[in-house]
Amino acid sequence: MIKLVNLERSYPLKSGPFYALRRITFDIAEGDFLSIMGPSGSGKSTLLHVLGLHDSDWKGEYHLLGHAVHKLDRKQRLDLQRNHLGFVFQSYHLLDDLTVYENLEIPLSYRNVPRMEREGIICDMLDRFSIVGKRDLFPGQLSGGQQQLIAIARALIAKPAVILADEPTGNLHSDQAREIMELFKKLNQENGVTIVQVTHSKENASYGNRVIRLADGWMVD
C-alpha cells in the first residue's frame, strides 16, 4: 500500500542543510496498524506530514496505492490525498463555526458526493459512533473526548485507504485515551482500516501490530 525508498527531508540553514529525515525506507501493507515512535525532534511528525502529502519538499521515492508520488504534480498529489487519506490530529482540527453534521460533511463535499447522498452517509456515521444527539452541536459544546470522536468519524466518513493520526490522544485524559485507542483497534481488526499513528506512548503503540522508531531523523532498531 505504501513504500518509501531513501526518503529524506532537509531544511536549509546557514551552517548547511539540517536533515529531519535521513534515508527512510520501509513498507506498509494493507491492514497494518503502524506506530511511529521516537523522542521530540526525531522526525516523527515530519514523516507523517510527508505520508499525508502535506509536505512536498522531500527527496526519494514514495509509492502510495500504486502511484509514484514523487513523480506527481501538485494537483495530482492533492487528488490522491483527498481520495485516499484521512487525518486525525491531536488538536482535533474541527471547524468551530460549523456543527458536528457540517464538519462531517466537508470530506464528502471534497469528493463531490451529491448532497442527498451525503445526508444518508452522515446519518449512518452518526449512528455508528452513537453521536446522533450531537449532530447540531458546535465543537465548543463538546468534551475533548467527544471532539476527538467526531474527528475520527470525519476521517473515516469518505472511506479512506489510510488513516494518519498525529498523537491522537495527546489532549485527552487516560480513560478517554483508552476509549479512542480501543476504537482504533476495532477499526483496524474488524474493518481492516490501515492506520499509521505517531505517538510517544508505549501503551498506545501496543494497540498496533508494528512499530518504527526514529532518532535524529534515522530509523533505529
N, C-alpha and C. Protein backbone atom coordinates (compact mmCIF):
# COMPACT_ATOMS: atom_id res chain seq x y z
N MET A 1 0.82 -1.21 0.00
CA MET A 1 0.00 0.00 0.00
C MET A 1 0.86 1.26 0.00
N ILE A 2 1.88 1.29 0.87
CA ILE A 2 2.82 2.40 0.94
C ILE A 2 4.24 1.84 0.90
N LYS A 3 5.09 2.49 0.11
CA LYS A 3 6.50 2.08 0.04
C LYS A 3 7.35 3.35 -0.02
N LEU A 4 8.27 3.48 0.93
CA LEU A 4 9.23 4.58 0.94
C LEU A 4 10.62 4.02 0.66
N VAL A 5 11.37 4.73 -0.17
CA VAL A 5 12.73 4.30 -0.51
C VAL A 5 13.66 5.52 -0.39
N ASN A 6 14.57 5.46 0.58
CA ASN A 6 15.58 6.51 0.77
C ASN A 6 14.95 7.91 0.82
N LEU A 7 13.88 8.03 1.55
CA LEU A 7 13.21 9.33 1.66
C LEU A 7 13.99 10.24 2.61
N GLU A 8 14.20 11.48 2.19
CA GLU A 8 14.92 12.44 3.02
C GLU A 8 14.21 13.79 2.99
N ARG A 9 14.24 14.47 4.14
CA ARG A 9 13.68 15.82 4.25
C ARG A 9 14.70 16.70 4.95
N SER A 10 15.09 17.80 4.31
CA SER A 10 16.07 18.69 4.91
C SER A 10 15.58 20.12 4.86
N TYR A 11 16.17 20.94 5.73
CA TYR A 11 15.85 22.37 5.80
C TYR A 11 17.15 23.15 5.69
N PRO A 12 17.18 24.19 4.86
CA PRO A 12 18.43 24.94 4.70
C PRO A 12 18.74 25.81 5.92
N LEU A 13 19.98 25.73 6.39
CA LEU A 13 20.48 26.58 7.45
C LEU A 13 21.77 27.24 6.97
N LYS A 14 22.17 28.30 7.63
CA LYS A 14 23.40 28.98 7.24
C LYS A 14 24.61 28.06 7.34
N SER A 15 24.57 27.16 8.32
CA SER A 15 25.69 26.24 8.52
C SER A 15 25.63 25.03 7.59
N GLY A 16 24.55 24.93 6.80
CA GLY A 16 24.37 23.78 5.92
C GLY A 16 23.01 23.16 6.15
N PRO A 17 22.62 22.18 5.35
CA PRO A 17 21.29 21.58 5.49
C PRO A 17 21.12 20.82 6.81
N PHE A 18 19.93 21.00 7.41
CA PHE A 18 19.56 20.20 8.59
C PHE A 18 18.61 19.11 8.11
N TYR A 19 18.97 17.86 8.38
CA TYR A 19 18.17 16.73 7.92
C TYR A 19 17.20 16.28 9.02
N ALA A 20 15.90 16.46 8.75
CA ALA A 20 14.87 15.99 9.67
C ALA A 20 14.58 14.51 9.45
N LEU A 21 14.81 14.03 8.22
CA LEU A 21 14.65 12.61 7.89
C LEU A 21 15.82 12.19 7.01
N ARG A 22 16.38 11.00 7.30
CA ARG A 22 17.53 10.50 6.55
C ARG A 22 17.29 9.07 6.09
N ARG A 23 17.28 8.87 4.78
CA ARG A 23 17.27 7.54 4.16
C ARG A 23 16.20 6.61 4.76
N ILE A 24 14.99 7.12 4.84
CA ILE A 24 13.88 6.33 5.41
C ILE A 24 13.37 5.35 4.36
N THR A 25 13.40 4.07 4.69
CA THR A 25 12.95 3.02 3.79
C THR A 25 12.12 2.00 4.56
N PHE A 26 10.86 1.86 4.18
CA PHE A 26 10.01 0.81 4.76
C PHE A 26 8.73 0.69 3.94
N ASP A 27 7.99 -0.41 4.17
CA ASP A 27 6.71 -0.66 3.51
C ASP A 27 5.59 -0.69 4.54
N ILE A 28 4.40 -0.35 4.11
CA ILE A 28 3.20 -0.51 4.93
C ILE A 28 2.20 -1.31 4.10
N ALA A 29 1.77 -2.44 4.64
CA ALA A 29 0.82 -3.30 3.93
C ALA A 29 -0.62 -2.92 4.28
N GLU A 30 -1.54 -3.27 3.43
CA GLU A 30 -2.94 -3.05 3.71
C GLU A 30 -3.33 -3.78 5.00
N GLY A 31 -4.01 -3.10 5.91
CA GLY A 31 -4.43 -3.70 7.17
C GLY A 31 -3.42 -3.56 8.29
N ASP A 32 -2.28 -2.94 8.03
CA ASP A 32 -1.30 -2.68 9.09
C ASP A 32 -1.84 -1.64 10.08
N PHE A 33 -1.36 -1.73 11.31
CA PHE A 33 -1.56 -0.69 12.32
C PHE A 33 -0.16 -0.35 12.81
N LEU A 34 0.41 0.69 12.23
CA LEU A 34 1.81 1.04 12.45
C LEU A 34 1.93 2.23 13.39
N SER A 35 2.83 2.11 14.36
CA SER A 35 3.14 3.22 15.26
C SER A 35 4.53 3.74 14.96
N ILE A 36 4.66 5.06 14.82
CA ILE A 36 5.95 5.71 14.63
C ILE A 36 6.32 6.37 15.95
N MET A 37 7.43 5.95 16.55
CA MET A 37 7.82 6.42 17.86
C MET A 37 9.22 7.05 17.82
N GLY A 38 9.49 7.85 18.86
CA GLY A 38 10.80 8.47 18.98
C GLY A 38 10.69 9.71 19.84
N PRO A 39 11.81 10.22 20.34
CA PRO A 39 11.79 11.43 21.17
C PRO A 39 11.41 12.66 20.36
N SER A 40 11.13 13.76 21.05
CA SER A 40 10.84 15.02 20.37
C SER A 40 12.02 15.39 19.47
N GLY A 41 11.69 15.83 18.25
CA GLY A 41 12.74 16.21 17.31
C GLY A 41 13.31 15.06 16.51
N SER A 42 12.73 13.86 16.67
CA SER A 42 13.27 12.69 15.97
C SER A 42 12.82 12.61 14.52
N GLY A 43 11.78 13.38 14.15
CA GLY A 43 11.28 13.36 12.77
C GLY A 43 9.94 12.68 12.60
N LYS A 44 9.30 12.30 13.72
CA LYS A 44 8.03 11.57 13.65
C LYS A 44 6.95 12.35 12.90
N SER A 45 6.68 13.55 13.35
CA SER A 45 5.61 14.34 12.72
C SER A 45 5.98 14.76 11.31
N THR A 46 7.27 15.02 11.08
CA THR A 46 7.72 15.33 9.72
C THR A 46 7.40 14.19 8.78
N LEU A 47 7.68 12.96 9.22
CA LEU A 47 7.40 11.78 8.40
C LEU A 47 5.90 11.65 8.14
N LEU A 48 5.09 11.88 9.16
CA LEU A 48 3.64 11.76 8.99
C LEU A 48 3.13 12.80 7.99
N HIS A 49 3.68 14.01 8.03
CA HIS A 49 3.25 15.05 7.10
C HIS A 49 3.66 14.71 5.66
N VAL A 50 4.79 14.05 5.50
CA VAL A 50 5.18 13.58 4.17
C VAL A 50 4.21 12.51 3.69
N LEU A 51 3.91 11.52 4.56
CA LEU A 51 2.97 10.46 4.21
C LEU A 51 1.60 11.04 3.86
N GLY A 52 1.21 12.11 4.58
CA GLY A 52 -0.10 12.71 4.36
C GLY A 52 -0.15 13.69 3.22
N LEU A 53 0.98 13.88 2.52
CA LEU A 53 1.06 14.77 1.37
C LEU A 53 0.80 16.22 1.74
N HIS A 54 1.09 16.58 2.99
CA HIS A 54 1.05 17.97 3.41
C HIS A 54 2.38 18.66 3.10
N ASP A 55 3.41 17.87 2.90
CA ASP A 55 4.76 18.36 2.66
C ASP A 55 5.25 17.76 1.34
N SER A 56 5.70 18.60 0.45
CA SER A 56 6.16 18.10 -0.86
C SER A 56 7.64 18.34 -1.10
N ASP A 57 8.32 18.95 -0.15
CA ASP A 57 9.73 19.34 -0.36
C ASP A 57 10.67 18.28 0.22
N TRP A 58 10.62 17.09 -0.34
CA TRP A 58 11.44 15.98 0.12
C TRP A 58 12.06 15.27 -1.08
N LYS A 59 13.01 14.41 -0.81
CA LYS A 59 13.67 13.65 -1.86
C LYS A 59 13.53 12.16 -1.58
N GLY A 60 13.64 11.36 -2.64
CA GLY A 60 13.50 9.92 -2.50
C GLY A 60 12.25 9.44 -3.22
N GLU A 61 11.85 8.23 -2.93
CA GLU A 61 10.68 7.62 -3.57
C GLU A 61 9.58 7.40 -2.55
N TYR A 62 8.36 7.73 -2.97
CA TYR A 62 7.17 7.48 -2.17
C TYR A 62 6.11 6.91 -3.10
N HIS A 63 5.74 5.66 -2.85
CA HIS A 63 4.70 4.98 -3.62
C HIS A 63 3.46 4.81 -2.74
N LEU A 64 2.31 5.24 -3.23
CA LEU A 64 1.05 5.15 -2.48
C LEU A 64 -0.01 4.54 -3.39
N LEU A 65 -0.48 3.35 -3.02
CA LEU A 65 -1.54 2.67 -3.77
C LEU A 65 -1.19 2.55 -5.26
N GLY A 66 0.07 2.26 -5.53
CA GLY A 66 0.50 2.07 -6.91
C GLY A 66 0.88 3.34 -7.64
N HIS A 67 0.72 4.49 -6.98
CA HIS A 67 1.08 5.77 -7.59
C HIS A 67 2.48 6.18 -7.12
N ALA A 68 3.33 6.58 -8.06
CA ALA A 68 4.65 7.10 -7.72
C ALA A 68 4.49 8.57 -7.36
N VAL A 69 4.30 8.85 -6.07
CA VAL A 69 4.01 10.21 -5.61
C VAL A 69 5.11 11.18 -6.01
N HIS A 70 6.36 10.72 -5.98
CA HIS A 70 7.49 11.59 -6.30
C HIS A 70 7.49 12.06 -7.75
N LYS A 71 6.64 11.46 -8.58
CA LYS A 71 6.56 11.86 -9.98
C LYS A 71 5.29 12.66 -10.28
N LEU A 72 4.45 12.88 -9.28
CA LEU A 72 3.18 13.56 -9.49
C LEU A 72 3.31 15.06 -9.29
N ASP A 73 2.47 15.83 -9.98
CA ASP A 73 2.44 17.28 -9.76
C ASP A 73 1.54 17.60 -8.58
N ARG A 74 1.46 18.88 -8.24
CA ARG A 74 0.73 19.30 -7.04
C ARG A 74 -0.75 18.89 -7.08
N LYS A 75 -1.41 19.08 -8.22
CA LYS A 75 -2.83 18.74 -8.34
C LYS A 75 -3.05 17.24 -8.20
N GLN A 76 -2.20 16.45 -8.81
CA GLN A 76 -2.33 15.00 -8.72
C GLN A 76 -2.15 14.52 -7.28
N ARG A 77 -1.20 15.14 -6.57
CA ARG A 77 -1.00 14.77 -5.17
C ARG A 77 -2.20 15.15 -4.33
N LEU A 78 -2.78 16.33 -4.60
CA LEU A 78 -3.96 16.77 -3.85
C LEU A 78 -5.13 15.83 -4.09
N ASP A 79 -5.32 15.39 -5.32
CA ASP A 79 -6.39 14.43 -5.63
C ASP A 79 -6.17 13.12 -4.88
N LEU A 80 -4.93 12.67 -4.84
CA LEU A 80 -4.60 11.43 -4.13
C LEU A 80 -4.88 11.58 -2.64
N GLN A 81 -4.51 12.72 -2.09
CA GLN A 81 -4.74 12.99 -0.67
C GLN A 81 -6.23 12.99 -0.35
N ARG A 82 -7.02 13.73 -1.13
CA ARG A 82 -8.45 13.86 -0.85
C ARG A 82 -9.20 12.55 -1.01
N ASN A 83 -8.74 11.70 -1.93
CA ASN A 83 -9.49 10.49 -2.23
C ASN A 83 -9.08 9.27 -1.42
N HIS A 84 -7.89 9.31 -0.78
CA HIS A 84 -7.40 8.08 -0.16
C HIS A 84 -6.88 8.22 1.26
N LEU A 85 -6.73 9.45 1.77
CA LEU A 85 -6.15 9.63 3.10
C LEU A 85 -7.13 10.32 4.04
N GLY A 86 -7.14 9.86 5.29
CA GLY A 86 -7.92 10.50 6.34
C GLY A 86 -6.99 10.89 7.48
N PHE A 87 -7.31 11.99 8.17
CA PHE A 87 -6.41 12.54 9.18
C PHE A 87 -7.10 12.72 10.52
N VAL A 88 -6.35 12.36 11.58
CA VAL A 88 -6.79 12.62 12.96
C VAL A 88 -5.64 13.32 13.66
N PHE A 89 -5.90 14.52 14.20
CA PHE A 89 -4.86 15.33 14.81
C PHE A 89 -5.05 15.43 16.32
N GLN A 90 -3.96 15.73 17.01
CA GLN A 90 -4.02 15.90 18.47
C GLN A 90 -4.98 17.01 18.87
N SER A 91 -5.01 18.08 18.09
CA SER A 91 -5.84 19.24 18.44
C SER A 91 -7.18 19.24 17.70
N TYR A 92 -7.60 18.07 17.21
CA TYR A 92 -8.92 17.82 16.62
C TYR A 92 -9.10 18.47 15.25
N HIS A 93 -8.77 19.77 15.11
CA HIS A 93 -8.91 20.49 13.84
C HIS A 93 -10.34 20.50 13.32
N LEU A 94 -11.31 20.50 14.23
CA LEU A 94 -12.70 20.72 13.82
C LEU A 94 -12.90 22.21 13.58
N LEU A 95 -13.84 22.54 12.73
CA LEU A 95 -14.14 23.95 12.45
C LEU A 95 -15.18 24.44 13.46
N ASP A 96 -14.78 25.40 14.29
CA ASP A 96 -15.59 25.82 15.43
C ASP A 96 -16.93 26.43 15.05
N ASP A 97 -17.01 27.03 13.86
CA ASP A 97 -18.24 27.70 13.46
C ASP A 97 -19.18 26.79 12.66
N LEU A 98 -18.83 25.50 12.58
CA LEU A 98 -19.68 24.52 11.92
C LEU A 98 -20.18 23.49 12.93
N THR A 99 -21.38 22.99 12.72
CA THR A 99 -21.93 21.95 13.59
C THR A 99 -21.21 20.63 13.34
N VAL A 100 -21.48 19.65 14.19
CA VAL A 100 -20.94 18.31 14.00
C VAL A 100 -21.31 17.78 12.62
N TYR A 101 -22.57 17.92 12.25
CA TYR A 101 -23.04 17.46 10.94
C TYR A 101 -22.25 18.13 9.82
N GLU A 102 -22.07 19.44 9.92
CA GLU A 102 -21.37 20.18 8.87
C GLU A 102 -19.89 19.82 8.81
N ASN A 103 -19.27 19.55 9.97
CA ASN A 103 -17.88 19.10 9.98
C ASN A 103 -17.73 17.77 9.27
N LEU A 104 -18.69 16.87 9.48
CA LEU A 104 -18.64 15.56 8.83
C LEU A 104 -18.90 15.65 7.33
N GLU A 105 -19.58 16.70 6.92
CA GLU A 105 -19.94 16.85 5.51
C GLU A 105 -18.75 17.29 4.64
N ILE A 106 -17.76 17.94 5.25
CA ILE A 106 -16.67 18.53 4.48
C ILE A 106 -15.92 17.52 3.61
N PRO A 107 -15.46 16.36 4.15
CA PRO A 107 -14.73 15.42 3.28
C PRO A 107 -15.57 14.91 2.11
N LEU A 108 -16.87 14.80 2.31
CA LEU A 108 -17.74 14.32 1.23
C LEU A 108 -17.89 15.38 0.15
N SER A 109 -17.92 16.64 0.55
CA SER A 109 -18.02 17.71 -0.45
C SER A 109 -16.74 17.79 -1.28
N TYR A 110 -15.59 17.50 -0.66
CA TYR A 110 -14.33 17.48 -1.40
C TYR A 110 -14.35 16.43 -2.51
N ARG A 111 -15.07 15.35 -2.25
CA ARG A 111 -15.10 14.25 -3.21
C ARG A 111 -16.33 14.31 -4.11
N ASN A 112 -17.01 15.46 -4.08
CA ASN A 112 -18.15 15.71 -4.95
C ASN A 112 -19.28 14.69 -4.79
N VAL A 113 -19.49 14.23 -3.55
CA VAL A 113 -20.62 13.35 -3.27
C VAL A 113 -21.90 14.20 -3.31
N PRO A 114 -22.92 13.80 -4.08
CA PRO A 114 -24.16 14.59 -4.16
C PRO A 114 -24.77 14.84 -2.78
N ARG A 115 -25.42 16.00 -2.63
CA ARG A 115 -25.94 16.41 -1.32
C ARG A 115 -26.89 15.38 -0.72
N MET A 116 -27.81 14.84 -1.51
CA MET A 116 -28.77 13.87 -0.98
C MET A 116 -28.07 12.61 -0.50
N GLU A 117 -27.05 12.20 -1.20
CA GLU A 117 -26.29 11.02 -0.80
C GLU A 117 -25.49 11.30 0.46
N ARG A 118 -24.97 12.53 0.58
CA ARG A 118 -24.21 12.91 1.78
C ARG A 118 -25.03 12.71 3.04
N GLU A 119 -26.29 13.12 2.99
CA GLU A 119 -27.12 13.06 4.19
C GLU A 119 -27.22 11.65 4.73
N GLY A 120 -27.42 10.67 3.83
CA GLY A 120 -27.50 9.29 4.27
C GLY A 120 -26.20 8.78 4.86
N ILE A 121 -25.08 9.14 4.24
CA ILE A 121 -23.76 8.72 4.73
C ILE A 121 -23.49 9.31 6.11
N ILE A 122 -23.80 10.60 6.28
CA ILE A 122 -23.54 11.26 7.57
C ILE A 122 -24.42 10.67 8.65
N CYS A 123 -25.68 10.42 8.35
CA CYS A 123 -26.58 9.84 9.35
C CYS A 123 -26.11 8.45 9.77
N ASP A 124 -25.62 7.66 8.82
CA ASP A 124 -25.09 6.34 9.15
C ASP A 124 -23.87 6.46 10.07
N MET A 125 -23.00 7.44 9.80
CA MET A 125 -21.80 7.63 10.62
C MET A 125 -22.17 8.11 12.02
N LEU A 126 -23.12 9.02 12.12
CA LEU A 126 -23.58 9.49 13.43
C LEU A 126 -24.13 8.32 14.26
N ASP A 127 -24.86 7.45 13.59
CA ASP A 127 -25.43 6.29 14.29
C ASP A 127 -24.33 5.30 14.68
N ARG A 128 -23.38 5.09 13.80
CA ARG A 128 -22.29 4.14 14.06
C ARG A 128 -21.47 4.54 15.28
N PHE A 129 -21.27 5.84 15.47
CA PHE A 129 -20.48 6.35 16.58
C PHE A 129 -21.33 6.78 17.77
N SER A 130 -22.63 6.49 17.69
CA SER A 130 -23.57 6.82 18.78
C SER A 130 -23.52 8.30 19.16
N ILE A 131 -23.52 9.16 18.12
CA ILE A 131 -23.44 10.61 18.35
C ILE A 131 -24.57 11.34 17.62
N VAL A 132 -25.67 10.63 17.39
CA VAL A 132 -26.81 11.24 16.70
C VAL A 132 -27.26 12.50 17.44
N GLY A 133 -27.28 12.44 18.77
CA GLY A 133 -27.73 13.57 19.57
C GLY A 133 -26.81 14.77 19.53
N LYS A 134 -25.61 14.61 18.94
CA LYS A 134 -24.63 15.70 18.88
C LYS A 134 -24.63 16.42 17.52
N ARG A 135 -25.45 16.00 16.59
CA ARG A 135 -25.32 16.44 15.20
C ARG A 135 -25.43 17.95 15.02
N ASP A 136 -26.24 18.61 15.83
CA ASP A 136 -26.46 20.05 15.67
C ASP A 136 -25.66 20.89 16.67
N LEU A 137 -24.77 20.25 17.43
CA LEU A 137 -23.94 20.98 18.38
C LEU A 137 -22.67 21.47 17.69
N PHE A 138 -22.05 22.49 18.28
CA PHE A 138 -20.78 23.01 17.79
C PHE A 138 -19.64 22.40 18.61
N PRO A 139 -18.43 22.32 18.06
CA PRO A 139 -17.32 21.70 18.78
C PRO A 139 -17.11 22.24 20.19
N GLY A 140 -17.32 23.56 20.39
CA GLY A 140 -17.12 24.15 21.71
C GLY A 140 -18.10 23.66 22.75
N GLN A 141 -19.16 22.97 22.31
CA GLN A 141 -20.16 22.43 23.23
C GLN A 141 -19.87 20.97 23.60
N LEU A 142 -18.76 20.44 23.11
CA LEU A 142 -18.41 19.04 23.33
C LEU A 142 -17.18 18.91 24.21
N SER A 143 -17.04 17.77 24.88
CA SER A 143 -15.83 17.48 25.64
C SER A 143 -14.69 17.14 24.68
N GLY A 144 -13.47 17.08 25.21
CA GLY A 144 -12.32 16.73 24.38
C GLY A 144 -12.47 15.35 23.76
N GLY A 145 -12.94 14.39 24.54
CA GLY A 145 -13.13 13.04 24.02
C GLY A 145 -14.17 13.00 22.92
N GLN A 146 -15.27 13.77 23.09
CA GLN A 146 -16.30 13.82 22.07
C GLN A 146 -15.79 14.47 20.79
N GLN A 147 -14.98 15.53 20.95
CA GLN A 147 -14.42 16.19 19.77
C GLN A 147 -13.49 15.24 19.00
N GLN A 148 -12.69 14.46 19.72
CA GLN A 148 -11.80 13.52 19.04
C GLN A 148 -12.60 12.43 18.35
N LEU A 149 -13.72 12.01 18.96
CA LEU A 149 -14.59 11.02 18.34
C LEU A 149 -15.15 11.56 17.02
N ILE A 150 -15.55 12.84 17.03
CA ILE A 150 -16.05 13.47 15.81
C ILE A 150 -14.93 13.53 14.77
N ALA A 151 -13.71 13.86 15.22
CA ALA A 151 -12.57 13.95 14.30
C ALA A 151 -12.30 12.60 13.63
N ILE A 152 -12.43 11.51 14.40
CA ILE A 152 -12.23 10.17 13.83
C ILE A 152 -13.34 9.84 12.85
N ALA A 153 -14.57 10.18 13.22
CA ALA A 153 -15.70 9.95 12.32
C ALA A 153 -15.50 10.71 11.01
N ARG A 154 -15.02 11.95 11.12
CA ARG A 154 -14.77 12.76 9.91
C ARG A 154 -13.67 12.12 9.05
N ALA A 155 -12.64 11.58 9.71
CA ALA A 155 -11.55 10.95 8.97
C ALA A 155 -12.02 9.70 8.22
N LEU A 156 -13.00 9.00 8.78
CA LEU A 156 -13.46 7.73 8.21
C LEU A 156 -14.59 7.87 7.20
N ILE A 157 -15.28 9.01 7.23
CA ILE A 157 -16.58 9.08 6.54
C ILE A 157 -16.47 8.86 5.04
N ALA A 158 -15.37 9.26 4.42
CA ALA A 158 -15.22 9.08 2.98
C ALA A 158 -14.49 7.79 2.64
N LYS A 159 -14.33 6.90 3.62
CA LYS A 159 -13.73 5.58 3.44
C LYS A 159 -12.32 5.66 2.83
N PRO A 160 -11.40 6.34 3.53
CA PRO A 160 -10.03 6.45 3.01
C PRO A 160 -9.30 5.12 3.10
N ALA A 161 -8.25 4.99 2.31
CA ALA A 161 -7.44 3.78 2.35
C ALA A 161 -6.57 3.73 3.59
N VAL A 162 -6.17 4.92 4.07
CA VAL A 162 -5.25 5.00 5.22
C VAL A 162 -5.70 6.12 6.15
N ILE A 163 -5.67 5.83 7.47
CA ILE A 163 -5.87 6.86 8.48
C ILE A 163 -4.50 7.23 9.05
N LEU A 164 -4.17 8.52 9.04
CA LEU A 164 -2.93 9.03 9.61
C LEU A 164 -3.28 9.82 10.87
N ALA A 165 -2.72 9.41 12.00
CA ALA A 165 -3.07 10.01 13.29
C ALA A 165 -1.83 10.55 13.97
N ASP A 166 -1.86 11.84 14.32
CA ASP A 166 -0.72 12.50 14.96
C ASP A 166 -1.02 12.74 16.43
N GLU A 167 -0.44 11.91 17.31
CA GLU A 167 -0.70 11.99 18.76
C GLU A 167 -2.19 12.12 19.04
N PRO A 168 -3.01 11.15 18.60
CA PRO A 168 -4.46 11.31 18.64
C PRO A 168 -5.07 11.38 20.05
N THR A 169 -4.30 10.98 21.07
CA THR A 169 -4.85 11.05 22.44
C THR A 169 -4.08 12.05 23.30
N GLY A 170 -3.27 12.88 22.68
CA GLY A 170 -2.38 13.77 23.42
C GLY A 170 -3.10 14.77 24.31
N ASN A 171 -4.33 15.16 23.95
CA ASN A 171 -5.07 16.14 24.74
C ASN A 171 -6.18 15.52 25.59
N LEU A 172 -6.14 14.20 25.75
CA LEU A 172 -7.21 13.50 26.46
C LEU A 172 -6.72 12.91 27.77
N HIS A 173 -7.65 12.78 28.74
CA HIS A 173 -7.26 12.09 29.97
C HIS A 173 -7.25 10.58 29.71
N SER A 174 -6.74 9.81 30.64
CA SER A 174 -6.40 8.40 30.39
C SER A 174 -7.60 7.56 29.96
N ASP A 175 -8.77 7.78 30.59
CA ASP A 175 -9.95 6.99 30.21
C ASP A 175 -10.39 7.30 28.79
N GLN A 176 -10.38 8.59 28.43
CA GLN A 176 -10.75 8.97 27.07
C GLN A 176 -9.73 8.42 26.06
N ALA A 177 -8.46 8.50 26.43
CA ALA A 177 -7.41 8.00 25.55
C ALA A 177 -7.58 6.50 25.29
N ARG A 178 -7.88 5.76 26.34
CA ARG A 178 -8.08 4.32 26.19
C ARG A 178 -9.27 4.02 25.27
N GLU A 179 -10.34 4.79 25.43
CA GLU A 179 -11.53 4.60 24.60
C GLU A 179 -11.21 4.84 23.12
N ILE A 180 -10.44 5.90 22.84
CA ILE A 180 -10.08 6.21 21.46
C ILE A 180 -9.18 5.12 20.87
N MET A 181 -8.22 4.63 21.66
CA MET A 181 -7.33 3.59 21.16
C MET A 181 -8.05 2.27 20.94
N GLU A 182 -9.01 1.96 21.79
CA GLU A 182 -9.83 0.76 21.58
C GLU A 182 -10.63 0.88 20.29
N LEU A 183 -11.10 2.10 20.00
CA LEU A 183 -11.83 2.33 18.76
C LEU A 183 -10.92 2.12 17.55
N PHE A 184 -9.69 2.67 17.61
CA PHE A 184 -8.74 2.44 16.52
C PHE A 184 -8.48 0.95 16.32
N LYS A 185 -8.29 0.23 17.42
CA LYS A 185 -8.02 -1.21 17.34
C LYS A 185 -9.18 -1.96 16.68
N LYS A 186 -10.40 -1.58 17.05
CA LYS A 186 -11.58 -2.21 16.48
C LYS A 186 -11.69 -1.91 14.98
N LEU A 187 -11.45 -0.65 14.61
CA LEU A 187 -11.49 -0.28 13.19
C LEU A 187 -10.46 -1.05 12.38
N ASN A 188 -9.29 -1.25 12.97
CA ASN A 188 -8.23 -1.98 12.29
C ASN A 188 -8.54 -3.47 12.19
N GLN A 189 -8.94 -4.09 13.30
CA GLN A 189 -9.10 -5.54 13.33
C GLN A 189 -10.41 -6.01 12.70
N GLU A 190 -11.48 -5.25 12.89
CA GLU A 190 -12.79 -5.69 12.41
C GLU A 190 -13.14 -5.11 11.04
N ASN A 191 -12.61 -3.93 10.75
CA ASN A 191 -12.96 -3.27 9.48
C ASN A 191 -11.79 -3.20 8.50
N GLY A 192 -10.61 -3.64 8.95
CA GLY A 192 -9.46 -3.68 8.07
C GLY A 192 -8.88 -2.33 7.70
N VAL A 193 -9.17 -1.30 8.51
CA VAL A 193 -8.66 0.04 8.23
C VAL A 193 -7.16 0.08 8.51
N THR A 194 -6.38 0.56 7.55
CA THR A 194 -4.94 0.73 7.73
C THR A 194 -4.70 2.02 8.51
N ILE A 195 -3.92 1.93 9.59
CA ILE A 195 -3.69 3.08 10.47
C ILE A 195 -2.20 3.30 10.67
N VAL A 196 -1.78 4.55 10.57
CA VAL A 196 -0.41 4.94 10.91
C VAL A 196 -0.52 6.04 11.95
N GLN A 197 0.02 5.79 13.15
CA GLN A 197 -0.06 6.80 14.21
C GLN A 197 1.34 7.20 14.67
N VAL A 198 1.48 8.48 14.98
CA VAL A 198 2.66 8.99 15.67
C VAL A 198 2.31 9.08 17.15
N THR A 199 3.16 8.53 18.00
CA THR A 199 2.85 8.54 19.43
C THR A 199 4.13 8.50 20.27
N HIS A 200 4.05 9.12 21.45
CA HIS A 200 5.10 8.99 22.46
C HIS A 200 4.80 7.81 23.40
N SER A 201 3.55 7.34 23.35
CA SER A 201 3.05 6.41 24.35
C SER A 201 3.28 4.95 23.97
N LYS A 202 4.00 4.22 24.84
CA LYS A 202 4.18 2.79 24.62
C LYS A 202 2.84 2.05 24.70
N GLU A 203 1.95 2.55 25.58
CA GLU A 203 0.63 1.92 25.70
C GLU A 203 -0.14 2.06 24.39
N ASN A 204 -0.13 3.26 23.81
CA ASN A 204 -0.82 3.45 22.54
C ASN A 204 -0.21 2.59 21.44
N ALA A 205 1.11 2.50 21.42
CA ALA A 205 1.79 1.71 20.40
C ALA A 205 1.43 0.23 20.52
N SER A 206 1.12 -0.22 21.73
CA SER A 206 0.81 -1.64 21.94
C SER A 206 -0.49 -2.06 21.26
N TYR A 207 -1.33 -1.10 20.88
CA TYR A 207 -2.58 -1.43 20.19
C TYR A 207 -2.34 -1.83 18.74
N GLY A 208 -1.19 -1.47 18.19
CA GLY A 208 -0.90 -1.79 16.80
C GLY A 208 -0.13 -3.09 16.65
N ASN A 209 0.27 -3.37 15.41
CA ASN A 209 0.99 -4.62 15.14
C ASN A 209 2.44 -4.38 14.71
N ARG A 210 2.83 -3.10 14.52
CA ARG A 210 4.21 -2.79 14.13
C ARG A 210 4.64 -1.47 14.74
N VAL A 211 5.93 -1.35 14.99
CA VAL A 211 6.50 -0.09 15.50
C VAL A 211 7.73 0.25 14.68
N ILE A 212 7.82 1.50 14.26
CA ILE A 212 9.05 2.03 13.65
C ILE A 212 9.56 3.13 14.57
N ARG A 213 10.84 3.06 14.91
CA ARG A 213 11.43 4.04 15.83
C ARG A 213 12.38 4.95 15.07
N LEU A 214 12.30 6.24 15.40
CA LEU A 214 13.18 7.24 14.80
C LEU A 214 14.04 7.90 15.87
N ALA A 215 15.23 8.29 15.47
CA ALA A 215 16.12 9.09 16.33
C ALA A 215 16.96 9.98 15.43
N ASP A 216 16.87 11.28 15.66
CA ASP A 216 17.63 12.24 14.85
C ASP A 216 17.40 12.07 13.36
N GLY A 217 16.16 11.70 13.00
CA GLY A 217 15.81 11.57 11.59
C GLY A 217 16.09 10.22 10.97
N TRP A 218 16.78 9.33 11.71
CA TRP A 218 17.12 8.00 11.19
C TRP A 218 16.19 6.95 11.78
N MET A 219 15.93 5.89 11.02
CA MET A 219 15.28 4.71 11.58
C MET A 219 16.29 3.95 12.42
N VAL A 220 15.86 3.51 13.62
CA VAL A 220 16.75 2.79 14.52
C VAL A 220 16.07 1.50 14.96
N ASP A 221 16.87 0.55 15.42
CA ASP A 221 16.33 -0.71 15.93
C ASP A 221 15.68 -0.51 17.28
